[in-house]
C-alpha atoms as a PDB file:
ATOM      1  CA  MET A   1       0.000   0.000   0.000  1.00  0.00           C
ATOM      2  CA  SER A   2       1.401   3.386  -0.951  1.00  0.00           C
ATOM      3  CA  ARG A   3       2.094   5.987   1.674  1.00  0.00           C
ATOM      4  CA  PRO A   4      -0.737   8.421   0.608  1.00  0.00           C
ATOM      5  CA  VAL A   5      -3.289   5.588   0.579  1.00  0.00           C
ATOM      6  CA  HIS A   6      -2.071   4.405   3.990  1.00  0.00           C
ATOM      7  CA  ARG A   7      -2.485   7.936   5.398  1.00  0.00           C
ATOM      8  CA  LEU A   8      -5.947   8.210   3.872  1.00  0.00           C
ATOM      9  CA  VAL A   9      -7.004   4.902   5.442  1.00  0.00           C
ATOM     10  CA  LEU A  10      -5.661   5.992   8.846  1.00  0.00           C
ATOM     11  CA  HIS A  11      -7.448   9.328   8.513  1.00  0.00           C
ATOM     12  CA  VAL A  12     -10.754   7.642   7.602  1.00  0.00           C
ATOM     13  CA  VAL A  13     -10.415   5.187  10.503  1.00  0.00           C
ATOM     14  CA  TRP A  14      -9.629   8.023  12.916  1.00  0.00           C
ATOM     15  CA  VAL A  15     -12.619  10.107  11.748  1.00  0.00           C
ATOM     16  CA  ALA A  16     -14.903   7.054  11.966  1.00  0.00           C
ATOM     17  CA  TRP A  17     -13.702   6.354  15.512  1.00  0.00           C
ATOM     18  CA  LEU A  18     -14.235   9.998  16.498  1.00  0.00           C
ATOM     19  CA  LEU A  19     -17.778  10.014  15.088  1.00  0.00           C
ATOM     20  CA  ALA A  20     -18.592   6.744  16.859  1.00  0.00           C
ATOM     21  CA  ALA A  21     -17.285   8.133  20.140  1.00  0.00           C
ATOM     22  CA  MET A  22     -19.370  11.281  19.757  1.00  0.00           C
ATOM     23  CA  GLN A  23     -22.513   9.224  19.114  1.00  0.00           C
ATOM     24  CA  GLY A  24     -22.277   8.076  22.721  1.00  0.00           C
ATOM     25  CA  CYS A  25     -22.570  11.668  23.894  1.00  0.00           C
ATOM     26  CA  GLY A  26     -26.086  12.376  25.030  1.00  0.00           C
ATOM     27  CA  VAL A  27     -27.804  14.362  27.709  1.00  0.00           C
ATOM     28  CA  TYR A  28     -25.646  13.525  30.701  1.00  0.00           C
ATOM     29  CA  SER A  29     -24.217  15.571  33.488  1.00  0.00           C
ATOM     30  CA  PRO A  30     -20.719  15.114  34.869  1.00  0.00           C
ATOM     31  CA  TYR A  31     -22.330  13.585  37.964  1.00  0.00           C
ATOM     32  CA  GLY A  32     -24.523  11.119  36.114  1.00  0.00           C
ATOM     33  CA  ALA A  33     -27.780  12.993  36.682  1.00  0.00           C
ATOM     34  CA  GLN A  34     -30.681  11.547  34.702  1.00  0.00           C
ATOM     35  CA  THR A  35     -32.354  14.665  33.336  1.00  0.00           C
ATOM     36  CA  SER A  36     -34.495  13.036  30.605  1.00  0.00           C
ATOM     37  CA  GLY A  37     -33.211  15.708  28.249  1.00  0.00           C
ATOM     38  CA  ALA A  38     -34.427  18.569  30.443  1.00  0.00           C
ATOM     39  CA  THR A  39     -32.273  21.662  30.749  1.00  0.00           C
ATOM     40  CA  THR A  40     -34.168  23.538  33.478  1.00  0.00           C
ATOM     41  CA  PHE A  41     -35.532  22.886  36.956  1.00  0.00           C
ATOM     42  CA  SER A  42     -37.484  24.755  39.599  1.00  0.00           C
ATOM     43  CA  VAL A  43     -37.881  24.314  43.343  1.00  0.00           C
ATOM     44  CA  GLN A  44     -40.933  25.838  44.984  1.00  0.00           C
ATOM     45  CA  ASP A  45     -40.455  27.042  48.554  1.00  0.00           C
ATOM     46  CA  PHE A  46     -41.239  24.130  50.845  1.00  0.00           C
ATOM     47  CA  GLU A  47     -44.447  24.431  52.848  1.00  0.00           C
ATOM     48  CA  PRO A  48     -44.072  24.193  56.637  1.00  0.00           C
ATOM     49  CA  ALA A  49     -47.000  21.815  57.293  1.00  0.00           C
ATOM     50  CA  HIS A  50     -46.096  20.998  60.912  1.00  0.00           C
ATOM     51  CA  PRO A  51     -46.497  23.410  63.851  1.00  0.00           C
ATOM     52  CA  LEU A  52     -42.844  23.060  64.950  1.00  0.00           C
ATOM     53  CA  VAL A  53     -41.457  23.826  61.480  1.00  0.00           C
ATOM     54  CA  SER A  54     -40.662  27.488  61.004  1.00  0.00           C
ATOM     55  CA  ALA A  55     -40.883  29.250  57.662  1.00  0.00           C
ATOM     56  CA  THR A  56     -37.125  29.849  57.942  1.00  0.00           C
ATOM     57  CA  ALA A  57     -36.448  26.118  58.337  1.00  0.00           C
ATOM     58  CA  ALA A  58     -38.634  25.303  55.326  1.00  0.00           C
ATOM     59  CA  GLN A  59     -36.804  27.966  53.296  1.00  0.00           C
ATOM     60  CA  THR A  60     -33.409  26.534  54.323  1.00  0.00           C
ATOM     61  CA  LEU A  61     -34.486  23.069  53.151  1.00  0.00           C
ATOM     62  CA  SER A  62     -35.684  24.514  49.818  1.00  0.00           C
ATOM     63  CA  GLU A  63     -32.366  26.290  49.305  1.00  0.00           C
ATOM     64  CA  ALA A  64     -30.424  23.126  50.123  1.00  0.00           C
ATOM     65  CA  LEU A  65     -32.216  21.300  47.298  1.00  0.00           C
ATOM     66  CA  ARG A  66     -31.692  24.175  44.848  1.00  0.00           C
ATOM     67  CA  ASP A  67     -27.988  24.244  45.682  1.00  0.00           C
ATOM     68  CA  ARG A  68     -27.644  20.458  45.422  1.00  0.00           C
ATOM     69  CA  VAL A  69     -29.241  20.246  41.965  1.00  0.00           C
ATOM     70  CA  GLN A  70     -27.131  23.147  40.695  1.00  0.00           C
ATOM     71  CA  ARG A  71     -23.922  21.589  42.073  1.00  0.00           C
ATOM     72  CA  GLN A  72     -24.567  18.065  40.868  1.00  0.00           C
ATOM     73  CA  SER A  73     -26.133  18.605  37.454  1.00  0.00           C
ATOM     74  CA  THR A  74     -26.016  20.847  34.427  1.00  0.00           C
ATOM     75  CA  LEU A  75     -29.630  21.949  34.940  1.00  0.00           C
ATOM     76  CA  ARG A  76     -30.431  25.652  35.039  1.00  0.00           C
ATOM     77  CA  LEU A  77     -32.638  27.072  37.815  1.00  0.00           C
ATOM     78  CA  VAL A  78     -35.691  28.911  36.445  1.00  0.00           C
ATOM     79  CA  GLU A  79     -39.142  29.901  37.695  1.00  0.00           C
ATOM     80  CA  ASP A  80     -41.114  27.166  35.875  1.00  0.00           C
ATOM     81  CA  GLY A  81     -38.686  24.365  35.022  1.00  0.00           C
ATOM     82  CA  GLU A  82     -39.095  21.188  33.028  1.00  0.00           C
ATOM     83  CA  LEU A  83     -38.304  19.355  36.263  1.00  0.00           C
ATOM     84  CA  GLU A  84     -40.319  20.705  39.197  1.00  0.00           C
ATOM     85  CA  PHE A  85     -39.762  20.053  42.895  1.00  0.00           C
ATOM     86  CA  SER A  86     -42.154  21.011  45.686  1.00  0.00           C
ATOM     87  CA  ALA A  87     -42.519  19.654  49.206  1.00  0.00           C
ATOM     88  CA  ARG A  88     -44.350  19.871  52.495  1.00  0.00           C
ATOM     89  CA  VAL A  89     -42.382  19.526  55.726  1.00  0.00           C
ATOM     90  CA  VAL A  90     -44.781  17.271  57.612  1.00  0.00           C
ATOM     91  CA  ALA A  91     -42.813  16.259  60.716  1.00  0.00           C
ATOM     92  CA  TRP A  92     -40.266  17.706  63.118  1.00  0.00           C
ATOM     93  CA  GLU A  93     -39.589  15.457  66.085  1.00  0.00           C
ATOM     94  CA  VAL A  94     -37.259  15.639  69.048  1.00  0.00           C
ATOM     95  CA  ARG A  95     -36.898  12.340  70.931  1.00  0.00           C
ATOM     96  CA  PRO A  96     -34.555  11.373  73.754  1.00  0.00           C
ATOM     97  CA  ILE A  97     -32.085   8.592  72.935  1.00  0.00           C
ATOM     98  CA  ASN A  98     -29.247   6.856  74.787  1.00  0.00           C
ATOM     99  CA  VAL A  99     -31.116   6.922  78.083  1.00  0.00           C
ATOM    100  CA  GLN A 100     -28.637   6.669  80.969  1.00  0.00           C
ATOM    101  CA  GLY A 101     -28.975   4.726  84.219  1.00  0.00           C
ATOM    102  CA  ASP A 102     -30.368   7.792  85.974  1.00  0.00           C
ATOM    103  CA  GLU A 103     -33.089   7.956  83.291  1.00  0.00           C
ATOM    104  CA  THR A 104     -31.686  11.044  81.576  1.00  0.00           C
ATOM    105  CA  ALA A 105     -31.140  11.167  77.853  1.00  0.00           C
ATOM    106  CA  GLY A 106     -27.581  11.087  76.583  1.00  0.00           C
ATOM    107  CA  ALA A 107     -28.726  12.791  73.397  1.00  0.00           C
ATOM    108  CA  ASN A 108     -31.778  14.005  71.547  1.00  0.00           C
ATOM    109  CA  ARG A 109     -32.650  12.787  68.076  1.00  0.00           C
ATOM    110  CA  VAL A 110     -34.060  15.506  65.822  1.00  0.00           C
ATOM    111  CA  SER A 111     -35.805  14.223  62.716  1.00  0.00           C
ATOM    112  CA  ILE A 112     -37.461  15.998  59.824  1.00  0.00           C
ATOM    113  CA  GLN A 113     -39.828  14.405  57.344  1.00  0.00           C
ATOM    114  CA  LEU A 114     -40.889  15.939  54.081  1.00  0.00           C
ATOM    115  CA  VAL A 115     -43.248  14.779  51.373  1.00  0.00           C
ATOM    116  CA  LEU A 116     -41.792  15.596  47.974  1.00  0.00           C
ATOM    117  CA  ASN A 117     -43.763  16.109  44.784  1.00  0.00           C
ATOM    118  CA  TYR A 118     -41.488  15.732  41.732  1.00  0.00           C
ATOM    119  CA  VAL A 119     -42.840  16.453  38.251  1.00  0.00           C
ATOM    120  CA  ASN A 120     -40.815  15.516  35.183  1.00  0.00           C
ATOM    121  CA  GLU A 121     -42.460  17.168  32.177  1.00  0.00           C
ATOM    122  CA  ARG A 122     -40.055  15.429  29.765  1.00  0.00           C
ATOM    123  CA  ASP A 123     -40.817  11.917  31.051  1.00  0.00           C
ATOM    124  CA  PRO A 124     -44.056  11.793  33.080  1.00  0.00           C
ATOM    125  CA  SER A 125     -43.370   8.164  34.053  1.00  0.00           C
ATOM    126  CA  LEU A 126     -40.658   9.524  36.391  1.00  0.00           C
ATOM    127  CA  THR A 127     -43.065  11.890  38.182  1.00  0.00           C
ATOM    128  CA  MET A 128     -43.495  10.892  41.834  1.00  0.00           C
ATOM    129  CA  GLU A 129     -44.637  11.790  45.301  1.00  0.00           C
ATOM    130  CA  ARG A 130     -42.446  10.339  48.032  1.00  0.00           C
ATOM    131  CA  SER A 131     -41.649  10.794  51.698  1.00  0.00           C
ATOM    132  CA  PHE A 132     -38.092  11.417  52.952  1.00  0.00           C
ATOM    133  CA  THR A 133     -36.947  11.398  56.583  1.00  0.00           C
ATOM    134  CA  ARG A 134     -33.540  12.178  58.072  1.00  0.00           C
ATOM    135  CA  TYR A 135     -32.274  12.737  61.598  1.00  0.00           C
ATOM    136  CA  VAL A 136     -29.310  14.066  63.541  1.00  0.00           C
ATOM    137  CA  ASP A 137     -28.369  13.393  67.146  1.00  0.00           C
ATOM    138  CA  VAL A 138     -27.732  16.366  69.413  1.00  0.00           C
ATOM    139  CA  PRO A 139     -25.972  15.971  72.788  1.00  0.00           C
ATOM    140  CA  SER A 140     -28.443  16.395  75.626  1.00  0.00           C
ATOM    141  CA  ASP A 141     -26.409  19.231  77.149  1.00  0.00           C
ATOM    142  CA  GLN A 142     -27.191  21.368  74.066  1.00  0.00           C
ATOM    143  CA  ASP A 143     -30.509  23.124  73.627  1.00  0.00           C
ATOM    144  CA  VAL A 144     -32.057  21.792  70.420  1.00  0.00           C
ATOM    145  CA  PHE A 145     -34.012  24.947  69.641  1.00  0.00           C
ATOM    146  CA  SER A 146     -31.010  27.254  70.064  1.00  0.00           C
ATOM    147  CA  GLN A 147     -29.145  24.971  67.604  1.00  0.00           C
ATOM    148  CA  GLU A 148     -32.057  24.892  65.130  1.00  0.00           C
ATOM    149  CA  ASP A 149     -30.288  26.690  62.265  1.00  0.00           C
ATOM    150  CA  ALA A 150     -27.268  24.358  62.310  1.00  0.00           C
ATOM    151  CA  ILE A 151     -29.491  21.292  62.691  1.00  0.00           C
ATOM    152  CA  VAL A 152     -31.711  22.302  59.770  1.00  0.00           C
ATOM    153  CA  GLU A 153     -28.667  23.010  57.584  1.00  0.00           C
ATOM    154  CA  GLU A 154     -27.236  19.561  58.326  1.00  0.00           C
ATOM    155  CA  LEU A 155     -30.574  17.871  57.712  1.00  0.00           C
ATOM    156  CA  GLY A 156     -30.992  19.928  54.530  1.00  0.00           C
ATOM    157  CA  GLU A 157     -27.721  18.521  53.182  1.00  0.00           C
ATOM    158  CA  LEU A 158     -28.816  14.957  53.968  1.00  0.00           C
ATOM    159  CA  LEU A 159     -32.355  15.339  52.637  1.00  0.00           C
ATOM    160  CA  SER A 160     -31.262  17.155  49.470  1.00  0.00           C
ATOM    161  CA  GLN A 161     -28.861  14.304  48.652  1.00  0.00           C
ATOM    162  CA  ASP A 162     -31.635  11.746  49.204  1.00  0.00           C
ATOM    163  CA  VAL A 163     -34.018  13.707  46.968  1.00  0.00           C
ATOM    164  CA  PHE A 164     -31.360  14.156  44.274  1.00  0.00           C
ATOM    165  CA  ASN A 165     -30.533  10.445  44.310  1.00  0.00           C
ATOM    166  CA  ALA A 166     -34.207   9.455  44.065  1.00  0.00           C
ATOM    167  CA  THR A 167     -35.116  11.872  41.276  1.00  0.00           C
ATOM    168  CA  LEU A 168     -32.006  12.542  39.210  1.00  0.00           C
ATOM    169  CA  GLY A 169     -29.352  10.202  40.506  1.00  0.00           C
ATOM    170  CA  ASN A 170     -30.687   6.909  39.123  1.00  0.00           C
ATOM    171  CA  TRP A 171     -30.668   5.259  42.564  1.00  0.00           C
END
């Protein structure tokens, strides 16, 4: 085979390989988020549907989800997205745990439950309503309500990861 023909064959093979590799490129994020081809999302402010849940706590949980989706996907936050998240915070519980011999609690378990409504306009079969619950343990010598902001932030990180995994993370 002559040198020009050999180069031409190598060039054709290289271009064919490049085109084949690019065919595998689809609508994926660097984190593996399953967006169904959507490019936008929206998160409505969570509704505090329990008497112990403050509007500030519900707002913090909403922001945690917005931040999580923006960090872990290529989706753009808009007012009325192709993927829509809304939720009601339906439980906020403080329970004693690690009860000592003198019947005092070694810690308090703070748990938050939310009911998420996820609408996927691109693929309605992925639309869902689901409950998520997470908790953190707070030493009994700390006042739970004076630590509320830090507790809600920590729970927001945990809950937002659970929601992301269930809706976009293919878990």
